Protein backbone atom coordinates (compact mmCIF):
# COMPACT_ATOMS: atom_id res chain seq x y z
CA MET A 1 7.12 1.67 -9.07
CA THR A 2 3.70 3.17 -9.69
CA TYR A 3 0.36 2.30 -8.13
CA SER A 4 -3.26 2.91 -9.03
CA ALA A 5 -4.75 5.72 -6.97
CA VAL A 6 -7.86 3.63 -6.39
CA SER A 7 -6.16 0.44 -5.19
CA PRO A 8 -4.00 -0.30 -2.16
CA CYS A 9 -0.41 -1.29 -2.85
CA THR A 10 -0.97 -4.72 -1.33
CA PRO A 11 -4.14 -6.66 -0.46
CA TRP A 12 -5.40 -6.03 3.04
CA ALA A 13 -5.59 -9.75 3.77
CA THR A 14 -4.21 -13.05 2.55
CA ARG A 15 -5.48 -16.61 2.52
CA ASP A 16 -3.72 -17.14 5.85
CA ASP A 17 -6.05 -14.53 7.39
CA MET A 18 -9.21 -16.37 6.35
CA GLN A 19 -11.40 -17.78 9.10
CA VAL A 20 -11.92 -21.54 9.50
CA ASN A 21 -15.48 -21.30 8.15
CA HIS A 22 -14.20 -19.60 4.99
CA ASN A 23 -13.30 -22.88 3.38
CA ASP A 24 -14.88 -24.75 0.52
CA ALA A 25 -13.17 -27.27 -1.72
CA ALA A 26 -14.92 -25.81 -4.78
CA VAL A 27 -13.29 -22.39 -4.30
CA GLN A 28 -9.93 -22.34 -6.07
CA PRO A 29 -6.92 -20.59 -4.46
CA ASP A 30 -6.48 -18.18 -7.37
CA THR A 31 -10.17 -17.24 -7.13
CA LEU A 32 -9.74 -16.49 -3.45
CA ASP A 33 -6.61 -14.41 -4.09
CA ASP A 34 -8.48 -12.39 -6.73
CA ALA A 35 -11.39 -11.92 -4.33
CA LEU A 36 -9.07 -10.68 -1.58
CA ARG A 37 -7.57 -8.09 -3.93
CA PHE A 38 -11.04 -7.07 -5.10
CA ALA A 39 -12.39 -6.75 -1.55
CA SER A 40 -9.30 -4.80 -0.50
CA THR A 41 -9.84 -2.24 -3.26
CA ILE A 42 -13.51 -1.85 -2.37
CA LEU A 43 -12.88 -1.34 1.35
CA TYR A 44 -9.89 0.92 0.67
CA ASN A 45 -12.19 3.28 -1.23
CA LEU A 46 -15.14 2.96 1.14
CA THR A 47 -12.86 4.07 4.00
CA ALA A 48 -11.54 7.15 2.19
CA ARG A 49 -8.29 5.46 1.10
CA ARG A 50 -6.73 5.63 4.57
CA TRP A 51 -4.74 2.39 4.56
CA ARG A 52 -2.54 1.94 1.52
CA GLY A 53 -0.88 -1.25 2.72
CA GLU A 54 2.83 -1.84 2.20
CA CYS A 55 4.13 0.04 -0.84
CA THR A 56 7.61 -0.17 -2.33
CA ASP A 57 9.28 2.75 -4.11
CA THR A 58 12.69 3.34 -5.64
CA TYR A 59 13.99 6.89 -5.27
CA ARG A 60 16.85 8.54 -7.17
CA PRO A 61 17.39 11.99 -5.64
CA HIS A 62 18.25 14.94 -7.84
CA SER A 63 21.26 16.88 -6.64
CA LEU A 64 18.92 19.60 -5.28
CA GLY A 65 16.64 16.96 -3.77
CA CYS A 66 19.41 15.64 -1.56
CA SER A 67 18.47 17.52 1.62
CA CYS A 68 21.80 17.32 3.38
CA ASP A 69 23.28 19.16 6.30
CA SER A 70 26.88 20.37 6.10
CA ASP A 71 28.35 16.89 6.48
CA HIS A 72 25.82 15.15 4.20
CA ARG A 73 24.55 12.77 6.86
CA VAL A 74 20.82 12.90 6.20
CA LEU A 75 18.55 12.38 3.19
CA ARG A 76 14.84 13.20 3.21
CA LEU A 77 12.82 10.47 1.52
CA PRO A 78 9.70 11.40 -0.49
CA ALA A 79 7.09 9.44 1.49
CA ASN A 80 5.91 9.84 5.06
CA GLY A 81 5.69 6.70 7.17
CA VAL A 82 8.70 4.85 5.76
CA ARG A 83 8.54 1.29 7.09
CA SER A 84 11.89 -0.12 6.06
CA ILE A 85 14.83 0.33 3.71
CA VAL A 86 15.09 -2.38 1.07
CA SER A 87 18.48 -1.24 -0.21
CA VAL A 88 20.74 1.76 -0.67
CA ILE A 89 23.04 1.65 -3.70
CA VAL A 90 25.82 4.20 -4.24
CA ASN A 91 28.04 4.02 -7.32
CA GLY A 92 26.60 0.61 -8.12
CA GLU A 93 27.55 -0.84 -4.73
CA THR A 94 25.06 -1.85 -2.02
CA VAL A 95 25.62 0.09 1.20
CA ASP A 96 25.87 -1.93 4.43
CA PRO A 97 22.49 -1.56 6.27
CA ALA A 98 24.39 -1.34 9.56
CA THR A 99 25.73 2.06 8.48
CA TYR A 100 22.37 3.87 8.24
CA GLU A 101 18.98 4.12 9.92
CA ILE A 102 15.50 5.61 9.43
CA ARG A 103 14.42 8.39 11.79
CA ASP A 104 10.90 9.78 12.24
CA GLY A 105 9.61 7.69 9.36
CA ARG A 106 11.18 9.93 6.73
CA TRP A 107 14.88 10.68 7.25
CA LEU A 108 17.67 8.36 6.09
CA TRP A 109 20.59 8.97 8.46
CA LYS A 110 24.18 7.89 7.79
CA LYS A 111 25.83 6.66 10.96
CA ARG A 112 29.35 7.48 11.98
CA ASP A 113 31.94 4.74 12.07
CA ALA A 114 33.19 3.39 15.39
CA ASP A 115 36.18 5.75 15.17
CA GLY A 116 33.91 8.77 14.61
CA GLY A 117 34.51 9.07 10.89
CA TYR A 118 32.11 8.26 8.06
CA VAL A 119 31.41 8.63 4.37
CA GLY A 120 28.25 10.73 3.96
CA TRP A 121 25.54 10.50 1.34
CA PRO A 122 26.41 11.87 -2.10
CA CYS A 123 24.72 15.13 -3.07
CA ALA A 124 25.16 14.52 -6.79
CA ASN A 125 23.38 11.88 -8.80
CA ASP A 126 23.60 11.32 -12.55
CA LEU A 127 20.09 10.25 -13.51
CA THR A 128 21.20 9.50 -17.07
CA LYS A 129 23.27 6.53 -15.89
CA ALA A 130 22.17 3.07 -14.84
CA THR A 131 22.22 2.51 -11.10
CA THR A 132 25.09 0.05 -11.55
CA GLU A 133 27.43 2.86 -12.64
CA GLN A 134 29.64 5.38 -10.86
CA GLY A 135 28.05 8.70 -9.92
CA THR A 136 24.65 7.22 -9.06
CA PHE A 137 22.61 7.00 -5.87
CA VAL A 138 19.36 5.07 -5.40
CA VAL A 139 17.25 4.16 -2.36
CA SER A 140 14.54 1.48 -2.32
CA TYR A 141 12.15 1.55 0.62
CA THR A 142 8.74 0.44 1.83
CA TRP A 143 6.09 2.77 3.18
CA GLY A 144 2.37 2.92 3.85
CA GLN A 145 0.02 2.07 6.69
CA SER A 146 -1.60 -1.33 7.05
CA PRO A 147 -5.28 -1.55 8.01
CA PRO A 148 -6.21 -2.46 11.58
CA ALA A 149 -7.07 -6.05 12.46
CA GLU A 150 -10.80 -5.30 12.30
CA MET A 151 -10.54 -4.17 8.68
CA VAL A 152 -8.42 -7.21 7.80
CA LEU A 153 -11.23 -9.37 9.16
CA ALA A 154 -13.83 -7.35 7.22
CA CYS A 155 -11.78 -7.84 4.07
CA THR A 156 -11.79 -11.63 4.50
CA ILE A 157 -15.55 -11.65 5.09
CA LEU A 158 -16.26 -9.62 1.96
CA ALA A 159 -13.69 -11.50 -0.12
CA TRP A 160 -15.26 -14.82 0.78
CA GLU A 161 -18.60 -13.68 -0.58
CA PHE A 162 -17.00 -12.65 -3.86
CA ALA A 163 -15.15 -15.96 -4.05
CA LEU A 164 -18.47 -17.77 -3.64
CA ALA A 165 -20.10 -15.57 -6.29
CA TRP A 166 -17.26 -16.36 -8.70
CA THR A 167 -17.49 -20.12 -8.12
CA PRO A 168 -20.46 -21.58 -10.03
CA ASP A 169 -20.93 -24.48 -7.61
CA CYS A 170 -21.07 -22.08 -4.65
CA ALA A 171 -22.94 -19.08 -6.06
CA ASN A 172 -26.12 -20.01 -4.20
CA LYS A 173 -24.24 -19.72 -0.89
CA CYS A 174 -23.24 -16.11 -1.52
CA LYS A 175 -24.77 -13.50 0.82
CA LEU A 176 -24.32 -10.58 -1.57
CA PRO A 177 -27.52 -9.04 -3.00
CA ARG A 178 -29.01 -11.05 -5.81
CA ASN A 179 -29.38 -8.13 -8.23
CA VAL A 180 -26.91 -9.69 -10.61
CA THR A 181 -25.38 -9.24 -14.00
CA SER A 182 -23.50 -11.70 -16.17
CA LEU A 183 -19.72 -11.70 -15.83
CA SER A 184 -17.09 -13.78 -17.60
CA ARG A 185 -13.98 -14.65 -15.63
CA ASN A 186 -11.25 -16.99 -16.85
CA GLY A 187 -13.57 -18.19 -19.59
CA VAL A 188 -16.38 -19.11 -17.20
CA THR A 189 -19.61 -17.08 -17.20
CA THR A 190 -21.06 -16.63 -13.72
CA GLN A 191 -23.61 -14.44 -11.99
CA PHE A 192 -22.10 -11.45 -10.23
CA PRO A 193 -23.68 -8.63 -8.18
CA ASP A 194 -24.13 -5.47 -10.20
CA PRO A 195 -21.49 -3.03 -8.83
CA ALA A 196 -23.68 -0.05 -9.71
CA THR A 197 -26.22 -1.14 -7.12
CA LEU A 198 -24.13 -3.31 -4.80
CA PHE A 199 -22.18 -0.38 -3.37
CA GLU A 200 -24.93 2.20 -3.55
CA ASN A 201 -24.61 4.62 -0.61
CA GLY A 202 -21.26 3.09 0.30
CA LYS A 203 -22.70 -0.22 1.49
CA THR A 204 -21.67 -3.79 0.72
CA HIS A 205 -24.89 -5.18 2.28
CA ILE A 206 -22.81 -7.50 4.46
CA ALA A 207 -23.97 -6.34 7.89
CA GLU A 208 -20.77 -6.72 9.91
CA VAL A 209 -18.68 -5.13 7.17
CA ASP A 210 -21.04 -2.16 6.74
CA MET A 211 -21.23 -1.52 10.49
CA LEU A 212 -17.45 -1.37 10.76
CA VAL A 213 -17.04 0.89 7.71
CA ALA A 214 -19.76 3.23 9.00
CA ALA A 215 -18.17 3.39 12.46
CA ILE A 216 -14.73 4.19 11.06
CA ASN A 217 -16.03 6.84 8.67
CA ARG A 218 -18.15 8.46 11.36
CA GLY A 219 -15.18 8.55 13.73
CA GLU A 220 -13.00 10.08 11.02
CA ALA A 221 -15.61 12.76 10.29
CA ARG A 222 -15.46 13.88 13.92
CA ARG A 223 -11.70 14.37 13.93
CA GLN A 224 -10.29 17.88 14.04
CA PRO A 225 -9.75 19.30 10.53
CA MET A 226 -6.21 19.27 9.19
CA VAL A 227 -4.48 22.57 8.45
CA LEU A 228 -2.38 22.50 5.28
CA ILE A 229 0.35 25.13 5.07
CA PRO A 230 1.20 26.37 1.53
CA GLY A 231 4.63 25.19 0.46
CA GLN A 232 4.69 22.41 3.04
CA ALA A 233 4.28 18.79 1.92
CA SER A 234 1.13 16.98 2.99
CA PRO A 235 1.32 13.47 4.51
CA GLY A 236 2.26 10.89 1.91
CA SER A 237 3.30 13.45 -0.68
CA ARG A 238 6.43 12.92 -2.69
CA GLY A 239 9.47 15.15 -2.65
CA ILE A 240 11.92 16.29 -5.29
CA GLY A 241 13.51 13.51 -7.24
CA SER A 242 12.74 10.61 -9.48
CA ILE A 243 10.67 7.64 -8.39
CA ALA A 244 10.88 4.66 -10.69
């Protein structure tokens, strides 16, 4: 799967995260879902794209990308911070999850059987074949860091304001700046804050949201600088292989 570099893989919040006071019969569920995705993208970028949410990738290692030891027990996955394995398919057959585990958020280890024996990972993979055929090897996994609870709350606060702005009967309740421009959504023309001015200087103009974003960015700026070593993968970078 592929993702936009400017959007998180998943929204930072859902309708279930909304506060009790974020409720109005005029606001439609699909409008609120759109607003949550929109707010997530905005806050993701305002906080230097730190929290990608839960991403899902499918990886088909090249033969040289299969970083095995002598008994082929370990495979290095492309992403740092692997959260879970969705499936491992070898020769078209799903491998029993009880026979492998993730270590250090990156390494897929094949366990030994109870008698001490095992069948290791293949170090050959025919990428010209469908994953249902012999001679193939594919791993699907989730990765990515979720935002902290404070940012989830900020996302719901900002999303609610967009939902109000996108609902004609509620637009006058919206706290976003009133420098507006016309926007058509789902065939309905509404008034919407001008993005060119709304986020000027990295501010949403929602006080509690802006205070939190500023605090996080200031704290990040004071962290020790990261040293990148040539030839060594940076966090979140992808390794050798094919990602569908």
